Amino acid sequence: MTGGSDGARVLEALLAALGRWPDVGSQPRMNLEQWNALTVSEVKAYQDKSIAAVRAVDDLWPLTDQIREVGRLRHEPAVPTLIRLWQECPVNPVMVAAGHALFAIGSAEARDALRSGIHDHDHLGRFLALKVMFTDDGTPWDNVGHLFSDASLATAAGVAAAYDALGHLPPVSQDRRWLDLCVGLRDHEILGGPAREVLQQADPAVIAPALDAARAARPAPARPPHLRPGDLVTRYRDGDHRGVWRDLGAVAHLDDRWRAEAEQVAALTMERVRQNAVNLTAALQARGWPVTVAKALPGPAADVEDRLLELEQITGSAVPPALAAYWRIVGTIDLVPRDTWDGPFPAGVPEELTIADPLEIVDRGLAFAVERWQDKTKNLHPELTGPMEIAIAADHLHKANISGGAPYSVRLPDTGADPLVRDEEHGLAFTDYLRHAFAGKGFLRLDRQDEWRASYGFTSDDLAELTGWLDGVDYEHLDF
């Protein structure tokens, strides 16, 4: 036992303080799968309970100081109390302090409790679980390697744990098993980024041959099915718009014939998109939406062809036809009412629509993305460069002048026809993303009204006003 009389004294004071606390209830920890299954209202209720619990106590910080002190003293008799606080206390600072105190005490019981949080929904649970696992007896591979089994990576919780584990890895040049694992993960949709970062820290003399071998063994792209010239263009002109793009989306690697066809279809598509943008912007303005044509539709950049050529040269692949045609024909659509951020919103126009994700697709981040990617990949092995992330829009919170998350983006190189719009919750390809926006009269999150009720307190009257205003936005829509 450690901690001695000082630890016993602090624990006694801690238990007495807890005995005087108001009843804040309990809130068991959740794993990621349980968390992802919650509805928006259930997530808000969970968060609200934690907020209410924090507000219900007046002596919060002295209590967290006692928890930290009992951990510093490594007083093992405190472990059962700390485990209960870690696993059930809805007062977040108390829960956090208990977790760190358990790690500081470090008994088998304390470490087991923390280790069980490897699939927690919150980062801290996974962080402390990995902190335990990486300091267990044995090698990192012995303790953590099982997180990368096929069964583990088949679940969202398993991928989250593996992602965090890669961020904790110490230099791994001495353990070839980690190097081989990261080489195999270098193209993984989620784990590829941290895997490449691990490899970048390894000894180039060790890792370069493995990367060369992996590059040579990379399978050749599957050949797309036979295509007769003009088939897709004819179908598109005959009105099979979605069917044509569905067929294009099924081809991961366009050969010359498919690319030529895709470029023609993309040009026809973006002409319709441009006309929709013109019609919609005029209709929104007529209803009072605070955007001007000059800002909403400034047109293609004067140097668009130079930009497309530069992207092809530095990524080794032509820009996907849907995106290239958008930049050539439309250029920018920006319906975000940023001019109202520091001023009043127009009377009669529902300000709530600012959180409905007004459509924005811009190229302002292109030069920055190129510069950052070139700087990051300088002197790197080609297998470690990773994709270029090009921001095409702020996320829905930033558009509403609320601090939010990562911008919506596309990745290059992409050898297909229609890149995925990333970090946007609908998970759509670029053309479908545009369809979704125009179907919502320029707003992408009209399908999140349950969230608006739960998170922002919208009433039925608020939503009725919003819906009525949108019903009055009448524009000629061209299918594409």
Protein backbone atom coordinates (compact mmCIF):
# COMPACT_ATOMS: atom_id res chain seq x y z
CA MET A 1 0.00 0.00 0.00
CA THR A 2 1.20 3.51 -0.77
CA GLY A 3 0.06 6.90 0.39
CA GLY A 4 0.27 6.15 4.12
CA SER A 5 -1.36 8.41 6.66
CA ASP A 6 -1.43 11.38 4.29
CA GLY A 7 -3.33 9.35 1.74
CA ALA A 8 -5.77 8.08 4.35
CA ARG A 9 -6.38 11.63 5.56
CA VAL A 10 -7.06 12.92 2.03
CA LEU A 11 -9.33 9.98 1.22
CA GLU A 12 -11.29 10.54 4.42
CA ALA A 13 -11.76 14.20 3.50
CA LEU A 14 -12.75 13.24 -0.06
CA LEU A 15 -15.38 10.76 1.15
CA ALA A 16 -16.76 13.34 3.57
CA ALA A 17 -17.01 15.91 0.79
CA LEU A 18 -18.77 13.45 -1.48
CA GLY A 19 -21.20 12.68 1.31
CA ARG A 20 -22.20 16.34 1.43
CA TRP A 21 -22.66 16.65 -2.31
CA PRO A 22 -26.11 17.11 -3.80
CA ASP A 23 -27.56 14.12 -5.58
CA VAL A 24 -26.19 14.48 -9.13
CA GLY A 25 -27.14 10.93 -10.07
CA SER A 26 -24.99 8.68 -12.19
CA GLN A 27 -24.19 8.52 -15.87
CA PRO A 28 -22.41 5.33 -16.95
CA ARG A 29 -19.70 5.60 -19.56
CA MET A 30 -20.67 4.63 -23.09
CA ASN A 31 -18.71 2.87 -25.76
CA LEU A 32 -18.62 4.33 -29.24
CA GLU A 33 -21.16 1.91 -30.69
CA GLN A 34 -23.68 2.83 -27.98
CA TRP A 35 -23.03 6.53 -28.50
CA ASN A 36 -23.48 6.34 -32.27
CA ALA A 37 -26.85 4.62 -31.73
CA LEU A 38 -28.24 7.56 -29.72
CA THR A 39 -30.73 9.94 -31.26
CA VAL A 40 -30.03 13.67 -31.33
CA SER A 41 -32.40 14.16 -28.40
CA GLU A 42 -30.68 11.42 -26.40
CA VAL A 43 -27.25 12.95 -27.03
CA LYS A 44 -28.53 16.32 -25.87
CA ALA A 45 -30.09 14.76 -22.76
CA TYR A 46 -26.78 13.08 -21.95
CA GLN A 47 -24.88 16.32 -22.36
CA ASP A 48 -27.49 18.34 -20.48
CA LYS A 49 -27.27 15.98 -17.52
CA SER A 50 -23.53 16.59 -17.30
CA ILE A 51 -23.97 20.36 -17.54
CA ALA A 52 -26.70 20.36 -14.89
CA ALA A 53 -24.54 18.19 -12.59
CA VAL A 54 -21.63 20.63 -12.83
CA ARG A 55 -23.94 23.57 -12.03
CA ALA A 56 -25.43 21.75 -9.05
CA VAL A 57 -22.21 21.73 -7.02
CA ASP A 58 -20.48 24.66 -5.37
CA ASP A 59 -17.29 22.99 -4.10
CA LEU A 60 -16.20 21.41 -7.37
CA TRP A 61 -12.59 22.52 -7.55
CA PRO A 62 -11.60 21.66 -3.95
CA LEU A 63 -13.02 18.19 -4.60
CA THR A 64 -11.04 17.71 -7.83
CA ASP A 65 -7.93 18.88 -5.96
CA GLN A 66 -8.51 16.16 -3.37
CA ILE A 67 -8.91 13.56 -6.12
CA ARG A 68 -5.66 14.63 -7.73
CA GLU A 69 -3.91 14.61 -4.38
CA VAL A 70 -5.01 11.07 -3.51
CA GLY A 71 -3.68 10.06 -6.92
CA ARG A 72 -0.38 11.87 -6.36
CA LEU A 73 -0.02 10.05 -3.05
CA ARG A 74 -0.82 6.77 -4.83
CA HIS A 75 -3.21 5.75 -2.06
CA GLU A 76 -4.56 2.39 -3.20
CA PRO A 77 -7.55 2.25 -0.81
CA ALA A 78 -8.99 5.14 -2.83
CA VAL A 79 -9.18 3.04 -6.00
CA PRO A 80 -12.77 1.72 -5.59
CA THR A 81 -14.05 5.26 -5.00
CA LEU A 82 -12.08 6.59 -7.97
CA ILE A 83 -13.35 3.82 -10.23
CA ARG A 84 -16.93 4.66 -9.32
CA LEU A 85 -16.32 8.35 -10.09
CA TRP A 86 -14.53 7.51 -13.34
CA GLN A 87 -17.22 5.16 -14.57
CA GLU A 88 -20.39 6.89 -13.37
CA CYS A 89 -19.95 10.50 -12.24
CA PRO A 90 -21.78 12.95 -14.55
CA VAL A 91 -19.66 15.87 -13.27
CA ASN A 92 -17.06 15.97 -16.04
CA PRO A 93 -14.13 17.59 -14.15
CA VAL A 94 -14.54 15.02 -11.35
CA MET A 95 -14.63 12.15 -13.83
CA VAL A 96 -11.50 13.48 -15.57
CA ALA A 97 -9.60 13.94 -12.30
CA ALA A 98 -10.57 10.41 -11.21
CA GLY A 99 -9.24 8.89 -14.42
CA HIS A 100 -5.88 10.60 -14.09
CA ALA A 101 -5.69 9.68 -10.40
CA LEU A 102 -6.29 6.02 -11.24
CA PHE A 103 -3.40 6.10 -13.67
CA ALA A 104 -1.17 7.78 -11.11
CA ILE A 105 -1.95 5.11 -8.50
CA GLY A 106 -1.30 2.40 -11.06
CA SER A 107 -2.49 -0.65 -9.14
CA ALA A 108 -3.69 -3.66 -11.12
CA GLU A 109 -7.30 -2.81 -10.27
CA ALA A 110 -6.88 0.82 -11.34
CA ARG A 111 -5.17 -0.09 -14.60
CA ASP A 112 -7.80 -2.71 -15.44
CA ALA A 113 -10.54 -0.13 -15.00
CA LEU A 114 -8.81 2.28 -17.35
CA ARG A 115 -7.86 -0.38 -19.87
CA SER A 116 -11.52 -1.30 -20.27
CA GLY A 117 -12.16 2.13 -21.79
CA ILE A 118 -10.37 1.38 -25.04
CA HIS A 119 -13.65 1.59 -26.98
CA ASP A 120 -15.11 4.56 -25.09
CA HIS A 121 -17.01 7.16 -27.09
CA ASP A 122 -14.89 9.98 -25.69
CA HIS A 123 -11.24 10.50 -26.47
CA LEU A 124 -10.12 10.61 -22.84
CA GLY A 125 -11.31 7.07 -22.17
CA ARG A 126 -9.35 5.74 -25.14
CA PHE A 127 -6.35 7.94 -24.28
CA LEU A 128 -6.03 6.60 -20.73
CA ALA A 129 -6.65 3.02 -21.88
CA LEU A 130 -3.80 3.34 -24.36
CA LYS A 131 -1.61 5.04 -21.78
CA VAL A 132 -2.04 1.94 -19.65
CA MET A 133 -1.53 -0.48 -22.52
CA PHE A 134 1.65 1.19 -23.71
CA THR A 135 3.11 1.04 -20.18
CA ASP A 136 2.12 -2.57 -19.52
CA ASP A 137 4.90 -5.15 -19.29
CA GLY A 138 5.95 -6.37 -22.73
CA THR A 139 6.44 -4.69 -26.09
CA PRO A 140 3.98 -2.21 -27.64
CA TRP A 141 3.14 -4.82 -30.26
CA ASP A 142 2.36 -7.45 -27.62
CA ASN A 143 0.07 -5.05 -25.77
CA VAL A 144 -1.60 -3.11 -28.57
CA GLY A 145 -1.20 -5.11 -31.77
CA HIS A 146 -4.52 -6.89 -31.28
CA LEU A 147 -6.32 -3.57 -31.90
CA PHE A 148 -5.42 -3.95 -35.58
CA SER A 149 -6.99 -7.36 -36.14
CA ASP A 150 -9.49 -7.64 -38.97
CA ALA A 151 -12.30 -8.20 -36.45
CA SER A 152 -11.41 -5.04 -34.52
CA LEU A 153 -11.09 -2.88 -37.63
CA ALA A 154 -14.50 -4.05 -38.82
CA THR A 155 -16.20 -1.77 -36.26
CA ALA A 156 -16.24 2.00 -35.84
CA ALA A 157 -15.10 1.63 -32.23
CA GLY A 158 -12.21 -0.57 -33.32
CA VAL A 159 -11.08 1.89 -35.97
CA ALA A 160 -11.23 4.76 -33.45
CA ALA A 161 -9.08 2.79 -30.99
CA ALA A 162 -6.58 1.89 -33.73
CA TYR A 163 -6.42 5.51 -34.90
CA ASP A 164 -5.59 6.71 -31.40
CA ALA A 165 -3.09 3.88 -30.92
CA LEU A 166 -1.11 4.95 -33.98
CA GLY A 167 -0.87 8.43 -32.48
CA HIS A 168 0.66 6.98 -29.30
CA LEU A 169 3.29 4.83 -30.98
CA PRO A 170 6.87 5.46 -29.91
CA PRO A 171 9.59 5.25 -32.61
CA VAL A 172 9.08 1.81 -34.14
CA SER A 173 12.10 1.26 -36.36
CA GLN A 174 13.26 -1.55 -34.10
CA ASP A 175 10.04 -3.55 -34.46
CA ARG A 176 9.42 -4.58 -38.03
CA ARG A 177 5.90 -5.75 -37.20
CA TRP A 178 4.77 -2.15 -36.69
CA LEU A 179 6.48 -1.02 -39.86
CA ASP A 180 4.85 -3.77 -41.89
CA LEU A 181 1.46 -2.96 -40.38
CA CYS A 182 1.76 0.74 -41.20
CA VAL A 183 2.93 0.02 -44.74
CA GLY A 184 -0.20 -2.07 -45.20
CA LEU A 185 -2.39 0.67 -43.75
CA ARG A 186 -0.87 3.57 -45.71
CA ASP A 187 -3.86 3.76 -48.10
CA HIS A 188 -6.55 3.08 -45.50
CA GLU A 189 -9.43 5.57 -45.70
CA ILE A 190 -9.16 6.52 -42.01
CA LEU A 191 -5.94 5.00 -40.68
CA GLY A 192 -3.78 5.90 -43.68
CA GLY A 193 -2.90 9.37 -42.37
CA PRO A 194 -1.58 8.33 -38.94
CA ALA A 195 0.07 5.24 -40.46
CA ARG A 196 2.02 7.42 -42.89
CA GLU A 197 3.00 9.75 -40.05
CA VAL A 198 4.44 6.79 -38.15
CA LEU A 199 6.42 5.72 -41.21
CA GLN A 200 7.74 9.25 -41.73
CA GLN A 201 9.41 9.02 -38.33
CA ALA A 202 11.09 5.72 -39.13
CA ASP A 203 14.64 5.32 -40.39
CA PRO A 204 14.45 5.91 -44.19
CA ALA A 205 17.09 3.26 -44.75
CA VAL A 206 14.79 0.72 -43.10
CA ILE A 207 11.46 1.80 -44.48
CA ALA A 208 12.30 2.80 -48.07
CA PRO A 209 12.87 -0.77 -49.32
CA ALA A 210 9.58 -1.87 -47.76
CA LEU A 211 7.74 1.00 -49.42
CA ASP A 212 9.40 0.28 -52.76
CA ALA A 213 8.30 -3.33 -52.53
CA ALA A 214 4.76 -2.34 -51.56
CA ARG A 215 4.59 0.10 -54.46
CA ALA A 216 5.73 -2.57 -56.91
CA ALA A 217 3.16 -4.99 -55.53
CA ARG A 218 0.28 -2.55 -55.75
CA PRO A 219 -2.34 -4.17 -58.00
CA ALA A 220 -3.06 -2.52 -61.31
CA PRO A 221 -6.37 -0.64 -61.45
CA ALA A 222 -9.27 -2.77 -62.56
CA ARG A 223 -10.14 -2.17 -66.18
CA PRO A 224 -13.52 -0.46 -66.57
CA PRO A 225 -16.15 -2.22 -68.66
CA HIS A 226 -16.25 -1.66 -72.38
CA LEU A 227 -17.80 1.64 -73.37
CA ARG A 228 -18.92 2.68 -76.82
CA PRO A 229 -18.12 6.35 -77.52
CA GLY A 230 -21.15 8.54 -77.13
CA ASP A 231 -23.23 6.09 -75.07
CA LEU A 232 -23.15 8.04 -71.82
CA VAL A 233 -23.54 11.43 -73.48
CA THR A 234 -26.55 10.20 -75.43
CA ARG A 235 -28.14 8.72 -72.33
CA TYR A 236 -27.53 11.92 -70.40
CA ARG A 237 -29.08 14.09 -73.11
CA ASP A 238 -32.06 11.72 -73.17
CA GLY A 239 -32.66 12.45 -69.49
CA ASP A 240 -30.95 9.53 -67.72
CA HIS A 241 -28.97 11.96 -65.57
CA ARG A 242 -28.69 9.96 -62.37
CA GLY A 243 -28.21 6.67 -64.16
CA VAL A 244 -25.24 8.03 -66.10
CA TRP A 245 -23.58 9.43 -63.00
CA ARG A 246 -24.27 6.20 -61.14
CA ASP A 247 -22.41 4.32 -63.86
CA LEU A 248 -19.57 6.85 -63.82
CA GLY A 249 -19.33 6.60 -60.04
CA ALA A 250 -18.85 2.85 -60.27
CA VAL A 251 -15.59 3.29 -62.21
CA ALA A 252 -12.72 3.88 -59.78
CA HIS A 253 -10.11 4.45 -62.46
CA LEU A 254 -11.12 6.13 -65.71
CA ASP A 255 -9.24 5.02 -68.78
CA ASP A 256 -8.94 7.40 -71.74
CA ARG A 257 -12.27 6.38 -73.28
CA TRP A 258 -14.22 6.67 -70.04
CA ARG A 259 -12.52 9.96 -69.14
CA ALA A 260 -13.38 11.53 -72.51
CA GLU A 261 -17.00 10.51 -72.05
CA ALA A 262 -17.06 11.66 -68.42
CA GLU A 263 -15.69 15.07 -69.34
CA GLN A 264 -18.47 15.61 -71.88
CA VAL A 265 -21.14 14.50 -69.39
CA ALA A 266 -19.61 16.69 -66.68
CA ALA A 267 -19.70 19.75 -68.94
CA LEU A 268 -23.38 19.15 -69.74
CA THR A 269 -24.08 18.67 -66.03
CA MET A 270 -22.33 21.80 -64.84
CA GLU A 271 -24.06 23.95 -67.43
CA ARG A 272 -27.30 22.88 -65.75
CA VAL A 273 -25.82 23.45 -62.32
CA ARG A 274 -24.81 26.98 -63.31
CA GLN A 275 -28.32 27.73 -64.56
CA ASN A 276 -29.81 26.34 -61.36
CA ALA A 277 -27.46 28.53 -59.34
CA VAL A 278 -28.51 31.63 -61.29
CA ASN A 279 -32.21 30.80 -60.93
CA LEU A 280 -31.96 29.90 -57.25
CA THR A 281 -29.90 32.95 -56.29
CA ALA A 282 -32.45 35.24 -57.95
CA ALA A 283 -35.33 33.46 -56.18
CA LEU A 284 -33.61 33.66 -52.78
CA GLN A 285 -32.86 37.35 -53.28
CA ALA A 286 -36.49 37.97 -54.18
CA ARG A 287 -37.46 36.48 -50.81
CA GLY A 288 -34.93 38.67 -49.00
CA TRP A 289 -32.03 36.26 -48.49
CA PRO A 290 -29.06 38.58 -47.83
CA VAL A 291 -26.65 37.68 -50.63
CA THR A 292 -25.70 39.57 -53.75
CA VAL A 293 -25.18 38.05 -57.17
CA ALA A 294 -21.65 39.42 -57.24
CA LYS A 295 -20.72 37.48 -54.09
CA ALA A 296 -22.88 34.44 -54.66
CA LEU A 297 -21.87 33.81 -58.29
CA PRO A 298 -18.59 35.53 -59.17
CA GLY A 299 -17.92 33.04 -61.99
CA PRO A 300 -14.89 30.90 -62.81
CA ALA A 301 -11.40 32.07 -61.90
CA ALA A 302 -9.51 33.71 -64.75
CA ASP A 303 -6.63 31.25 -64.30
CA VAL A 304 -8.76 28.13 -63.93
CA GLU A 305 -6.95 26.22 -66.68
CA ASP A 306 -3.58 26.99 -65.13
CA ARG A 307 -4.87 25.75 -61.77
CA LEU A 308 -6.18 22.51 -63.25
CA LEU A 309 -2.91 21.90 -65.06
CA GLU A 310 -0.92 22.55 -61.89
CA LEU A 311 -3.03 20.07 -59.93
CA GLU A 312 -2.53 17.43 -62.61
CA GLN A 313 1.22 17.98 -62.66
CA ILE A 314 1.77 17.82 -58.92
CA THR A 315 -0.65 14.97 -58.14
CA GLY A 316 0.08 12.91 -61.24
CA SER A 317 -3.58 12.63 -62.21
CA ALA A 318 -6.15 14.81 -63.92
CA VAL A 319 -8.74 16.46 -61.70
CA PRO A 320 -11.96 14.39 -61.61
CA PRO A 321 -14.23 15.54 -64.47
CA ALA A 322 -17.13 16.61 -62.20
CA LEU A 323 -14.90 18.92 -60.16
CA ALA A 324 -12.92 20.22 -63.13
CA ALA A 325 -16.11 21.05 -65.05
CA TYR A 326 -17.53 22.81 -61.99
CA TRP A 327 -14.47 25.03 -61.68
CA ARG A 328 -14.47 25.74 -65.42
CA ILE A 329 -18.18 26.48 -65.83
CA VAL A 330 -19.54 27.54 -62.44
CA GLY A 331 -16.46 28.55 -60.47
CA THR A 332 -18.07 29.50 -57.15
CA ILE A 333 -21.45 29.32 -55.46
CA ASP A 334 -21.63 31.12 -52.13
CA LEU A 335 -25.02 31.56 -50.45
CA VAL A 336 -23.59 32.12 -46.94
CA PRO A 337 -24.86 35.47 -45.54
CA ARG A 338 -21.58 36.52 -43.97
CA ASP A 339 -22.41 40.23 -44.31
CA THR A 340 -25.07 39.78 -41.61
CA TRP A 341 -22.72 38.35 -38.98
CA ASP A 342 -22.11 41.77 -37.42
CA GLY A 343 -25.48 43.27 -38.23
CA PRO A 344 -29.21 42.62 -38.16
CA PHE A 345 -30.80 39.90 -40.26
CA PRO A 346 -33.43 41.06 -42.79
CA ALA A 347 -36.91 41.34 -41.34
CA GLY A 348 -39.18 38.49 -42.31
CA VAL A 349 -36.33 36.13 -43.28
CA PRO A 350 -35.83 33.22 -40.84
CA GLU A 351 -32.38 33.67 -39.32
CA GLU A 352 -32.56 30.02 -38.26
CA LEU A 353 -31.68 29.10 -41.84
CA THR A 354 -28.11 30.17 -41.19
CA ILE A 355 -27.55 26.83 -39.43
CA ALA A 356 -29.23 24.91 -42.26
CA ASP A 357 -25.91 24.82 -44.14
CA PRO A 358 -26.38 27.25 -47.05
CA LEU A 359 -24.58 26.05 -50.16
CA GLU A 360 -20.99 27.12 -50.63
CA ILE A 361 -18.44 25.67 -53.04
CA VAL A 362 -15.42 27.90 -53.45
CA ASP A 363 -11.83 27.60 -54.60
CA ARG A 364 -10.31 30.01 -52.08
CA GLY A 365 -8.42 27.20 -50.36
CA LEU A 366 -6.84 25.82 -53.52
CA ALA A 367 -3.58 27.80 -53.47
CA PHE A 368 -3.12 27.11 -49.76
CA ALA A 369 -3.76 23.39 -50.24
CA VAL A 370 -1.18 23.19 -53.01
CA GLU A 371 1.43 25.07 -51.00
CA ARG A 372 0.84 23.04 -47.85
CA TRP A 373 0.88 19.73 -49.71
CA GLN A 374 4.10 20.56 -51.56
CA ASP A 375 5.76 21.64 -48.31
CA LYS A 376 4.55 18.57 -46.43
CA THR A 377 5.59 16.07 -49.10
CA LYS A 378 8.97 17.56 -49.93
CA ASN A 379 11.62 14.81 -49.78
CA LEU A 380 9.06 12.17 -48.81
CA HIS A 381 8.88 8.73 -50.37
CA PRO A 382 6.02 8.77 -52.94
CA GLU A 383 4.14 6.15 -50.91
CA LEU A 384 4.07 8.50 -47.91
CA THR A 385 2.81 11.66 -49.54
CA GLY A 386 -0.85 10.93 -48.99
CA PRO A 387 -3.69 12.81 -50.66
CA MET A 388 -4.04 16.56 -51.02
CA GLU A 389 -7.00 17.91 -49.05
CA ILE A 390 -8.68 20.83 -50.82
CA ALA A 391 -11.23 22.74 -48.74
CA ILE A 392 -14.29 23.64 -50.81
CA ALA A 393 -16.59 25.01 -48.08
CA ALA A 394 -16.77 25.88 -44.42
CA ASP A 395 -18.68 23.41 -42.27
CA HIS A 396 -22.28 24.23 -41.31
CA LEU A 397 -21.34 25.77 -37.94
CA HIS A 398 -18.71 28.12 -39.32
CA LYS A 399 -21.22 29.22 -41.96
CA ALA A 400 -23.46 30.32 -39.07
CA ASN A 401 -20.55 32.18 -37.40
CA ILE A 402 -20.24 29.47 -34.73
CA SER A 403 -16.93 27.74 -34.07
CA GLY A 404 -17.16 24.37 -35.77
CA GLY A 405 -15.15 21.57 -37.28
CA ALA A 406 -13.10 20.76 -40.35
CA PRO A 407 -14.13 22.30 -43.67
CA TYR A 408 -15.80 20.19 -46.32
CA SER A 409 -13.13 19.00 -48.71
CA VAL A 410 -12.17 16.79 -51.62
CA ARG A 411 -9.03 14.71 -51.96
CA LEU A 412 -6.70 14.58 -54.91
CA PRO A 413 -5.46 12.61 -56.72
CA ASP A 414 -8.74 10.89 -57.53
CA THR A 415 -8.84 8.80 -60.68
CA GLY A 416 -12.63 8.56 -60.74
CA ALA A 417 -15.19 10.92 -62.22
CA ASP A 418 -16.93 12.31 -59.13
CA PRO A 419 -14.98 12.83 -55.86
CA LEU A 420 -16.46 12.33 -52.41
CA VAL A 421 -17.22 15.47 -50.40
CA ARG A 422 -15.50 14.76 -47.10
CA ASP A 423 -16.25 15.87 -43.54
CA GLU A 424 -19.87 16.52 -44.56
CA GLU A 425 -22.36 14.33 -42.79
CA HIS A 426 -24.32 13.07 -45.80
CA GLY A 427 -21.30 11.30 -47.35
CA LEU A 428 -22.15 12.22 -50.93
CA ALA A 429 -20.18 12.37 -54.14
CA PHE A 430 -19.75 15.89 -55.50
CA THR A 431 -22.59 15.73 -58.04
CA ASP A 432 -25.01 14.20 -55.54
CA TYR A 433 -23.95 16.85 -53.02
CA LEU A 434 -25.02 19.52 -55.50
CA ARG A 435 -28.30 17.69 -56.15
CA HIS A 436 -29.01 17.54 -52.43
CA ALA A 437 -28.32 21.27 -52.04
CA PHE A 438 -30.57 22.33 -54.92
CA ALA A 439 -33.33 20.00 -53.77
CA GLY A 440 -33.22 21.92 -50.47
CA LYS A 441 -33.37 25.28 -52.26
CA GLY A 442 -29.75 25.96 -51.37
CA PHE A 443 -29.72 24.42 -47.86
CA LEU A 444 -28.12 21.07 -47.06
CA ARG A 445 -29.37 20.40 -43.52
CA LEU A 446 -33.12 20.76 -43.80
CA ASP A 447 -33.26 17.09 -42.81
CA ARG A 448 -31.81 17.86 -39.36
CA GLN A 449 -34.80 19.59 -37.77
CA ASP A 450 -34.87 17.17 -34.82
CA GLU A 451 -31.38 18.38 -34.03
CA TRP A 452 -32.52 22.01 -34.25
CA ARG A 453 -35.24 21.32 -31.69
CA ALA A 454 -32.85 19.53 -29.34
CA SER A 455 -29.76 21.70 -29.71
CA TYR A 456 -31.15 25.16 -30.43
CA GLY A 457 -34.59 25.07 -28.86
CA PHE A 458 -36.50 25.62 -32.10
CA THR A 459 -40.25 25.49 -31.61
CA SER A 460 -42.91 24.19 -33.94
CA ASP A 461 -43.75 27.79 -34.75
CA ASP A 462 -40.13 28.51 -35.66
CA LEU A 463 -40.03 25.53 -38.00
CA ALA A 464 -43.39 26.41 -39.53
CA GLU A 465 -42.14 29.93 -40.26
CA LEU A 466 -38.99 28.53 -41.82
CA THR A 467 -40.89 26.03 -43.94
CA GLY A 468 -43.36 28.67 -45.07
CA TRP A 469 -40.56 30.99 -46.12
CA LEU A 470 -38.87 28.24 -48.11
CA ASP A 471 -42.15 27.33 -49.78
CA GLY A 472 -42.15 30.85 -51.19
CA VAL A 473 -38.75 30.37 -52.83
CA ASP A 474 -39.85 29.49 -56.34
CA TYR A 475 -37.23 28.81 -58.97
CA GLU A 476 -37.01 26.84 -62.17
CA HIS A 477 -35.03 23.72 -61.37
CA LEU A 478 -33.20 21.74 -64.04
CA ASP A 479 -32.53 18.12 -63.26
CA PHE A 480 -28.90 17.15 -63.70
